[in-house]
Amino acid sequence: MGRTILGAAAVSLDGFIAHEDDSVDPLFDWLGSGDVEWSLSEHDHYPLRTTVASRDFMQAVYAHIGVMMIGRRLFDHTDGWGGTPPAGQHVVVVTHAPPRDWAPAAAAPFTFVTEGVDAAIATAQELAGDRDVDVAAGQVGGQALRRGLIDQVVMNVVPVVFGTGRSFFGVPEGGTPVRLGDPTRLVAGDRVTHLLYDVPPESRRGAPQDA
């Protein structure tokens, strides 16, 4: 089974991972603003440029990603990155129905799960083996956190206020608040502050389902 399940994304100061139209400027400007060139995975077509601090944080946190888990909205917006996982070796997509006529479907390492977030997490863990699972923030990531399925929350906080948009934790569904402690890692980069929170045991697997 996968070692750690991360809920991660770049996020504005007021908690949004994208604008209402799904555009993300300037949440990723920091990935090209530094003086150190590096790549997160062998699939990267373009090198990243950040500060040393951001590179070290990102490589430490994301070095062991085996599987990404995303929602259908992100899949459609990116067209599944042309069938190439942006991180890890496999992508699990939570969806009501697999896409029709997606050109890369036959060869792409993508699995479409229609039974919901819990089933998708189980599938992602099995595919990840002894590596980590990266759950994209947003509706899917928020549901996974509230179901006690996330081990760590990673927020790459960019100093911009959107005012409205797509929330890091998705649309609230009620239930008991998920309480986190102080960040276990806090790293200042250029145009970004990296925060890593461990989800306490009482808020992890086995927690009550949402109301």
C-alpha atoms as a PDB file:
ATOM      1  CA  MET A   1       0.000   0.000   0.000  1.00  0.00           C
ATOM      2  CA  GLY A   2       1.071   3.605  -0.557  1.00  0.00           C
ATOM      3  CA  ARG A   3       3.131   5.100   2.250  1.00  0.00           C
ATOM      4  CA  THR A   4       1.686   8.610   2.559  1.00  0.00           C
ATOM      5  CA  ILE A   5      -1.405  10.258   1.092  1.00  0.00           C
ATOM      6  CA  LEU A   6      -0.833  13.951   0.413  1.00  0.00           C
ATOM      7  CA  GLY A   7      -3.437  16.637  -0.224  1.00  0.00           C
ATOM      8  CA  ALA A   8      -1.518  19.329  -2.066  1.00  0.00           C
ATOM      9  CA  ALA A   9      -1.721  22.378  -4.335  1.00  0.00           C
ATOM     10  CA  ALA A  10      -0.576  25.928  -4.956  1.00  0.00           C
ATOM     11  CA  VAL A  11      -3.086  28.243  -3.301  1.00  0.00           C
ATOM     12  CA  SER A  12      -3.879  31.933  -2.920  1.00  0.00           C
ATOM     13  CA  LEU A  13      -3.754  33.650   0.467  1.00  0.00           C
ATOM     14  CA  ASP A  14      -7.542  33.431   0.679  1.00  0.00           C
ATOM     15  CA  GLY A  15      -7.646  29.712  -0.057  1.00  0.00           C
ATOM     16  CA  PHE A  16      -8.309  29.335  -3.794  1.00  0.00           C
ATOM     17  CA  ILE A  17      -6.503  26.988  -6.207  1.00  0.00           C
ATOM     18  CA  ALA A  18      -7.990  28.529  -9.362  1.00  0.00           C
ATOM     19  CA  HIS A  19     -10.236  31.332 -10.566  1.00  0.00           C
ATOM     20  CA  GLU A  20     -13.894  30.617 -11.356  1.00  0.00           C
ATOM     21  CA  ASP A  21     -12.931  30.034 -15.010  1.00  0.00           C
ATOM     22  CA  ASP A  22     -10.248  27.500 -13.885  1.00  0.00           C
ATOM     23  CA  SER A  23      -7.347  29.779 -14.859  1.00  0.00           C
ATOM     24  CA  VAL A  24      -4.543  29.799 -12.290  1.00  0.00           C
ATOM     25  CA  ASP A  25      -2.429  32.922 -12.862  1.00  0.00           C
ATOM     26  CA  PRO A  26      -0.312  33.832 -10.911  1.00  0.00           C
ATOM     27  CA  LEU A  27      -0.269  30.741  -8.661  1.00  0.00           C
ATOM     28  CA  PHE A  28       2.612  29.090 -10.487  1.00  0.00           C
ATOM     29  CA  ASP A  29       4.805  32.103 -11.305  1.00  0.00           C
ATOM     30  CA  TRP A  30       7.210  31.059  -8.531  1.00  0.00           C
ATOM     31  CA  LEU A  31       8.100  27.927 -10.501  1.00  0.00           C
ATOM     32  CA  GLY A  32       9.895  30.112 -13.021  1.00  0.00           C
ATOM     33  CA  SER A  33      11.165  33.006 -10.923  1.00  0.00           C
ATOM     34  CA  GLY A  34      14.274  31.559  -9.253  1.00  0.00           C
ATOM     35  CA  ASP A  35      17.886  31.008 -10.198  1.00  0.00           C
ATOM     36  CA  VAL A  36      18.087  27.216  -9.673  1.00  0.00           C
ATOM     37  CA  GLU A  37      17.019  24.944 -12.535  1.00  0.00           C
ATOM     38  CA  TRP A  38      15.621  21.503 -11.743  1.00  0.00           C
ATOM     39  CA  SER A  39      12.914  18.997 -12.664  1.00  0.00           C
ATOM     40  CA  LEU A  40      10.314  17.332 -10.484  1.00  0.00           C
ATOM     41  CA  SER A  41      10.059  14.181 -12.588  1.00  0.00           C
ATOM     42  CA  GLU A  42      11.455  12.531 -15.685  1.00  0.00           C
ATOM     43  CA  HIS A  43       8.269  13.526 -17.534  1.00  0.00           C
ATOM     44  CA  ASP A  44       8.901  17.271 -17.223  1.00  0.00           C
ATOM     45  CA  HIS A  45       9.166  18.854 -20.650  1.00  0.00           C
ATOM     46  CA  TYR A  46      10.249  22.195 -19.240  1.00  0.00           C
ATOM     47  CA  PRO A  47      12.688  22.690 -16.361  1.00  0.00           C
ATOM     48  CA  LEU A  48      11.563  24.567 -13.278  1.00  0.00           C
ATOM     49  CA  ARG A  49      13.423  27.563 -11.880  1.00  0.00           C
ATOM     50  CA  THR A  50      13.010  28.397  -8.194  1.00  0.00           C
ATOM     51  CA  THR A  51      15.024  29.281  -5.145  1.00  0.00           C
ATOM     52  CA  VAL A  52      17.111  26.571  -3.516  1.00  0.00           C
ATOM     53  CA  ALA A  53      14.661  26.539  -0.598  1.00  0.00           C
ATOM     54  CA  SER A  54      11.665  25.830  -2.857  1.00  0.00           C
ATOM     55  CA  ARG A  55      13.555  23.182  -4.821  1.00  0.00           C
ATOM     56  CA  ASP A  56      14.602  21.378  -1.654  1.00  0.00           C
ATOM     57  CA  PHE A  57      11.084  21.474  -0.216  1.00  0.00           C
ATOM     58  CA  MET A  58       9.404  20.273  -3.392  1.00  0.00           C
ATOM     59  CA  GLN A  59      11.884  17.493  -4.032  1.00  0.00           C
ATOM     60  CA  ALA A  60      11.665  16.287  -0.427  1.00  0.00           C
ATOM     61  CA  VAL A  61       7.855  16.300  -0.354  1.00  0.00           C
ATOM     62  CA  TYR A  62       7.167  15.036  -3.874  1.00  0.00           C
ATOM     63  CA  ALA A  63      10.158  12.729  -4.403  1.00  0.00           C
ATOM     64  CA  HIS A  64       8.229   9.568  -3.598  1.00  0.00           C
ATOM     65  CA  ILE A  65       4.989  10.229  -5.506  1.00  0.00           C
ATOM     66  CA  GLY A  66       3.852   7.120  -7.340  1.00  0.00           C
ATOM     67  CA  VAL A  67       0.252   8.020  -8.183  1.00  0.00           C
ATOM     68  CA  MET A  68      -1.712  11.231  -8.620  1.00  0.00           C
ATOM     69  CA  MET A  69      -5.425  11.251  -7.847  1.00  0.00           C
ATOM     70  CA  ILE A  70      -7.553  13.957  -9.446  1.00  0.00           C
ATOM     71  CA  GLY A  71     -11.165  14.839 -10.184  1.00  0.00           C
ATOM     72  CA  ARG A  72     -12.840  14.871 -13.563  1.00  0.00           C
ATOM     73  CA  ARG A  73     -12.817  18.675 -13.704  1.00  0.00           C
ATOM     74  CA  LEU A  74      -9.015  18.820 -13.621  1.00  0.00           C
ATOM     75  CA  PHE A  75      -8.765  15.938 -16.071  1.00  0.00           C
ATOM     76  CA  ASP A  76     -11.005  17.731 -18.569  1.00  0.00           C
ATOM     77  CA  HIS A  77      -9.275  21.088 -18.059  1.00  0.00           C
ATOM     78  CA  THR A  78      -5.830  19.609 -18.794  1.00  0.00           C
ATOM     79  CA  ASP A  79      -7.020  16.940 -21.265  1.00  0.00           C
ATOM     80  CA  GLY A  80      -5.250  14.474 -19.003  1.00  0.00           C
ATOM     81  CA  TRP A  81      -1.899  16.117 -19.842  1.00  0.00           C
ATOM     82  CA  GLY A  82      -1.975  14.252 -23.124  1.00  0.00           C
ATOM     83  CA  GLY A  83      -1.837  10.923 -21.295  1.00  0.00           C
ATOM     84  CA  THR A  84       1.436  11.622 -19.451  1.00  0.00           C
ATOM     85  CA  PRO A  85       1.289  11.920 -15.639  1.00  0.00           C
ATOM     86  CA  PRO A  86       2.810  15.245 -14.515  1.00  0.00           C
ATOM     87  CA  ALA A  87       4.109  13.468 -11.410  1.00  0.00           C
ATOM     88  CA  GLY A  88       4.450   9.807 -10.526  1.00  0.00           C
ATOM     89  CA  GLN A  89       3.774   6.899 -12.834  1.00  0.00           C
ATOM     90  CA  HIS A  90      -0.026   6.693 -12.788  1.00  0.00           C
ATOM     91  CA  VAL A  91      -3.113   8.903 -12.504  1.00  0.00           C
ATOM     92  CA  VAL A  92      -6.414   7.896 -10.892  1.00  0.00           C
ATOM     93  CA  VAL A  93      -9.410   9.988 -11.948  1.00  0.00           C
ATOM     94  CA  VAL A  94     -12.585  10.179  -9.845  1.00  0.00           C
ATOM     95  CA  THR A  95     -15.492  10.489 -12.263  1.00  0.00           C
ATOM     96  CA  HIS A  96     -19.131   9.556 -12.804  1.00  0.00           C
ATOM     97  CA  ALA A  97     -18.226   8.040 -16.171  1.00  0.00           C
ATOM     98  CA  PRO A  98     -14.949   7.449 -18.053  1.00  0.00           C
ATOM     99  CA  PRO A  99     -14.345   9.814 -20.973  1.00  0.00           C
ATOM    100  CA  ARG A 100     -15.356   8.749 -24.452  1.00  0.00           C
ATOM    101  CA  ASP A 101     -13.009   9.088 -27.406  1.00  0.00           C
ATOM    102  CA  TRP A 102     -10.017  10.269 -25.348  1.00  0.00           C
ATOM    103  CA  ALA A 103      -7.202   9.676 -27.826  1.00  0.00           C
ATOM    104  CA  PRO A 104      -4.473   8.517 -25.386  1.00  0.00           C
ATOM    105  CA  ALA A 105      -6.811   6.122 -23.504  1.00  0.00           C
ATOM    106  CA  ALA A 106      -5.385   2.864 -24.834  1.00  0.00           C
ATOM    107  CA  ALA A 107      -1.795   3.513 -23.742  1.00  0.00           C
ATOM    108  CA  ALA A 108      -2.065   6.132 -20.978  1.00  0.00           C
ATOM    109  CA  PRO A 109      -1.431   5.004 -17.366  1.00  0.00           C
ATOM    110  CA  PHE A 110      -4.783   6.439 -16.246  1.00  0.00           C
ATOM    111  CA  THR A 111      -7.456   4.617 -14.239  1.00  0.00           C
ATOM    112  CA  PHE A 112     -11.011   5.983 -14.050  1.00  0.00           C
ATOM    113  CA  VAL A 113     -12.893   5.170 -10.845  1.00  0.00           C
ATOM    114  CA  THR A 114     -16.668   5.647 -10.762  1.00  0.00           C
ATOM    115  CA  GLU A 115     -17.357   4.410  -7.218  1.00  0.00           C
ATOM    116  CA  GLY A 116     -16.320   7.576  -5.380  1.00  0.00           C
ATOM    117  CA  VAL A 117     -13.415   8.980  -3.399  1.00  0.00           C
ATOM    118  CA  ASP A 118     -12.956   6.063  -0.999  1.00  0.00           C
ATOM    119  CA  ALA A 119     -12.689   3.543  -3.823  1.00  0.00           C
ATOM    120  CA  ALA A 120     -10.354   5.840  -5.748  1.00  0.00           C
ATOM    121  CA  ILE A 121      -8.025   6.170  -2.743  1.00  0.00           C
ATOM    122  CA  ALA A 122      -7.907   2.379  -2.379  1.00  0.00           C
ATOM    123  CA  THR A 123      -7.114   2.000  -6.085  1.00  0.00           C
ATOM    124  CA  ALA A 124      -4.430   4.702  -5.929  1.00  0.00           C
ATOM    125  CA  GLN A 125      -2.768   3.077  -2.899  1.00  0.00           C
ATOM    126  CA  GLU A 126      -2.641  -0.298  -4.605  1.00  0.00           C
ATOM    127  CA  LEU A 127      -1.135   1.189  -7.760  1.00  0.00           C
ATOM    128  CA  ALA A 128       1.387   3.217  -5.724  1.00  0.00           C
ATOM    129  CA  GLY A 129       2.868   0.178  -3.973  1.00  0.00           C
ATOM    130  CA  ASP A 130       5.462   1.519  -1.540  1.00  0.00           C
ATOM    131  CA  ARG A 131       5.312   5.039  -2.976  1.00  0.00           C
ATOM    132  CA  ASP A 132       3.119   8.024  -2.038  1.00  0.00           C
ATOM    133  CA  VAL A 133      -0.254   9.164  -3.386  1.00  0.00           C
ATOM    134  CA  ASP A 134      -0.767  12.839  -4.274  1.00  0.00           C
ATOM    135  CA  VAL A 135      -4.447  13.837  -4.075  1.00  0.00           C
ATOM    136  CA  ALA A 136      -5.166  17.079  -5.915  1.00  0.00           C
ATOM    137  CA  ALA A 137      -6.737  19.766  -3.751  1.00  0.00           C
ATOM    138  CA  GLY A 138     -10.259  20.901  -4.546  1.00  0.00           C
ATOM    139  CA  GLN A 139     -13.503  18.964  -4.314  1.00  0.00           C
ATOM    140  CA  VAL A 140     -11.875  15.514  -4.398  1.00  0.00           C
ATOM    141  CA  GLY A 141      -9.095  16.486  -1.995  1.00  0.00           C
ATOM    142  CA  GLY A 142     -11.564  18.110   0.403  1.00  0.00           C
ATOM    143  CA  GLN A 143     -13.762  15.027   0.433  1.00  0.00           C
ATOM    144  CA  ALA A 144     -10.749  12.783   1.083  1.00  0.00           C
ATOM    145  CA  LEU A 145      -9.620  14.980   3.997  1.00  0.00           C
ATOM    146  CA  ARG A 146     -13.067  15.009   5.596  1.00  0.00           C
ATOM    147  CA  ARG A 147     -13.245  11.218   5.264  1.00  0.00           C
ATOM    148  CA  GLY A 148      -9.991  10.785   7.187  1.00  0.00           C
ATOM    149  CA  LEU A 149      -8.051   9.632   4.116  1.00  0.00           C
ATOM    150  CA  ILE A 150      -5.326  12.293   3.984  1.00  0.00           C
ATOM    151  CA  ASP A 151      -2.083  11.992   5.984  1.00  0.00           C
ATOM    152  CA  GLN A 152      -0.493  15.343   5.125  1.00  0.00           C
ATOM    153  CA  VAL A 153      -1.727  18.660   3.742  1.00  0.00           C
ATOM    154  CA  VAL A 154       0.747  20.602   1.589  1.00  0.00           C
ATOM    155  CA  MET A 155      -0.036  24.236   0.744  1.00  0.00           C
ATOM    156  CA  ASN A 156       2.238  26.254  -1.521  1.00  0.00           C
ATOM    157  CA  VAL A 157       0.838  29.664  -0.567  1.00  0.00           C
ATOM    158  CA  VAL A 158       1.211  32.485  -3.098  1.00  0.00           C
ATOM    159  CA  PRO A 159       0.820  36.133  -1.904  1.00  0.00           C
ATOM    160  CA  VAL A 160      -2.243  36.987  -3.981  1.00  0.00           C
ATOM    161  CA  VAL A 161      -5.912  37.408  -3.024  1.00  0.00           C
ATOM    162  CA  PHE A 162      -8.422  36.039  -5.550  1.00  0.00           C
ATOM    163  CA  GLY A 163     -11.612  36.982  -3.730  1.00  0.00           C
ATOM    164  CA  THR A 164     -13.483  34.077  -5.323  1.00  0.00           C
ATOM    165  CA  GLY A 165     -12.655  30.871  -7.153  1.00  0.00           C
ATOM    166  CA  ARG A 166     -12.122  27.146  -6.611  1.00  0.00           C
ATOM    167  CA  SER A 167     -11.496  26.411  -2.941  1.00  0.00           C
ATOM    168  CA  PHE A 168      -8.464  24.373  -1.799  1.00  0.00           C
ATOM    169  CA  PHE A 169     -10.780  22.216   0.322  1.00  0.00           C
ATOM    170  CA  GLY A 170     -13.732  22.140  -2.067  1.00  0.00           C
ATOM    171  CA  VAL A 171     -17.309  22.980  -1.157  1.00  0.00           C
ATOM    172  CA  PRO A 172     -17.979  22.233   2.546  1.00  0.00           C
ATOM    173  CA  GLU A 173     -20.209  19.217   3.116  1.00  0.00           C
ATOM    174  CA  GLY A 174     -20.817  19.576   6.840  1.00  0.00           C
ATOM    175  CA  GLY A 175     -19.562  17.141   9.443  1.00  0.00           C
ATOM    176  CA  THR A 176     -16.947  17.565  12.147  1.00  0.00           C
ATOM    177  CA  PRO A 177     -14.203  20.177  11.498  1.00  0.00           C
ATOM    178  CA  VAL A 178     -10.797  18.699  10.675  1.00  0.00           C
ATOM    179  CA  ARG A 179      -8.327  20.182  13.128  1.00  0.00           C
ATOM    180  CA  LEU A 180      -4.656  20.487  12.166  1.00  0.00           C
ATOM    181  CA  GLY A 181      -1.787  21.540  14.390  1.00  0.00           C
ATOM    182  CA  ASP A 182       1.053  23.912  13.577  1.00  0.00           C
ATOM    183  CA  PRO A 183       2.863  23.219  10.295  1.00  0.00           C
ATOM    184  CA  THR A 184       5.608  20.619  10.648  1.00  0.00           C
ATOM    185  CA  ARG A 185       7.508  22.369   7.844  1.00  0.00           C
ATOM    186  CA  LEU A 186       7.446  26.044   6.864  1.00  0.00           C
ATOM    187  CA  VAL A 187       9.739  27.194   4.063  1.00  0.00           C
ATOM    188  CA  ALA A 188       9.899  30.676   2.521  1.00  0.00           C
ATOM    189  CA  GLY A 189      10.691  30.794  -1.177  1.00  0.00           C
ATOM    190  CA  ASP A 190      10.405  33.567  -3.770  1.00  0.00           C
ATOM    191  CA  ARG A 191       6.710  34.528  -4.255  1.00  0.00           C
ATOM    192  CA  VAL A 192       5.637  31.434  -2.293  1.00  0.00           C
ATOM    193  CA  THR A 193       5.573  30.038   1.238  1.00  0.00           C
ATOM    194  CA  HIS A 194       5.508  26.267   1.593  1.00  0.00           C
ATOM    195  CA  LEU A 195       3.510  24.755   4.462  1.00  0.00           C
ATOM    196  CA  LEU A 196       3.257  21.078   5.401  1.00  0.00           C
ATOM    197  CA  TYR A 197       0.743  19.910   7.992  1.00  0.00           C
ATOM    198  CA  ASP A 198       0.470  16.414   9.427  1.00  0.00           C
ATOM    199  CA  VAL A 199      -3.153  15.363   9.861  1.00  0.00           C
ATOM    200  CA  PRO A 200      -3.484  14.135  13.473  1.00  0.00           C
ATOM    201  CA  PRO A 201      -4.452  10.472  14.063  1.00  0.00           C
ATOM    202  CA  GLU A 202      -7.922  11.377  15.328  1.00  0.00           C
ATOM    203  CA  SER A 203      -8.682  13.032  11.960  1.00  0.00           C
ATOM    204  CA  ARG A 204      -7.346  10.222   9.780  1.00  0.00           C
ATOM    205  CA  ARG A 205      -8.671   6.877   8.547  1.00  0.00           C
ATOM    206  CA  GLY A 206     -11.580   5.586  10.534  1.00  0.00           C
ATOM    207  CA  ALA A 207     -12.972   9.087  11.156  1.00  0.00           C
ATOM    208  CA  PRO A 208     -16.771   9.381  10.823  1.00  0.00           C
ATOM    209  CA  GLN A 209     -18.123   9.976   7.315  1.00  0.00           C
ATOM    210  CA  ASP A 210     -19.492  13.402   6.405  1.00  0.00           C
ATOM    211  CA  ALA A 211     -23.041  14.206   7.421  1.00  0.00           C
END
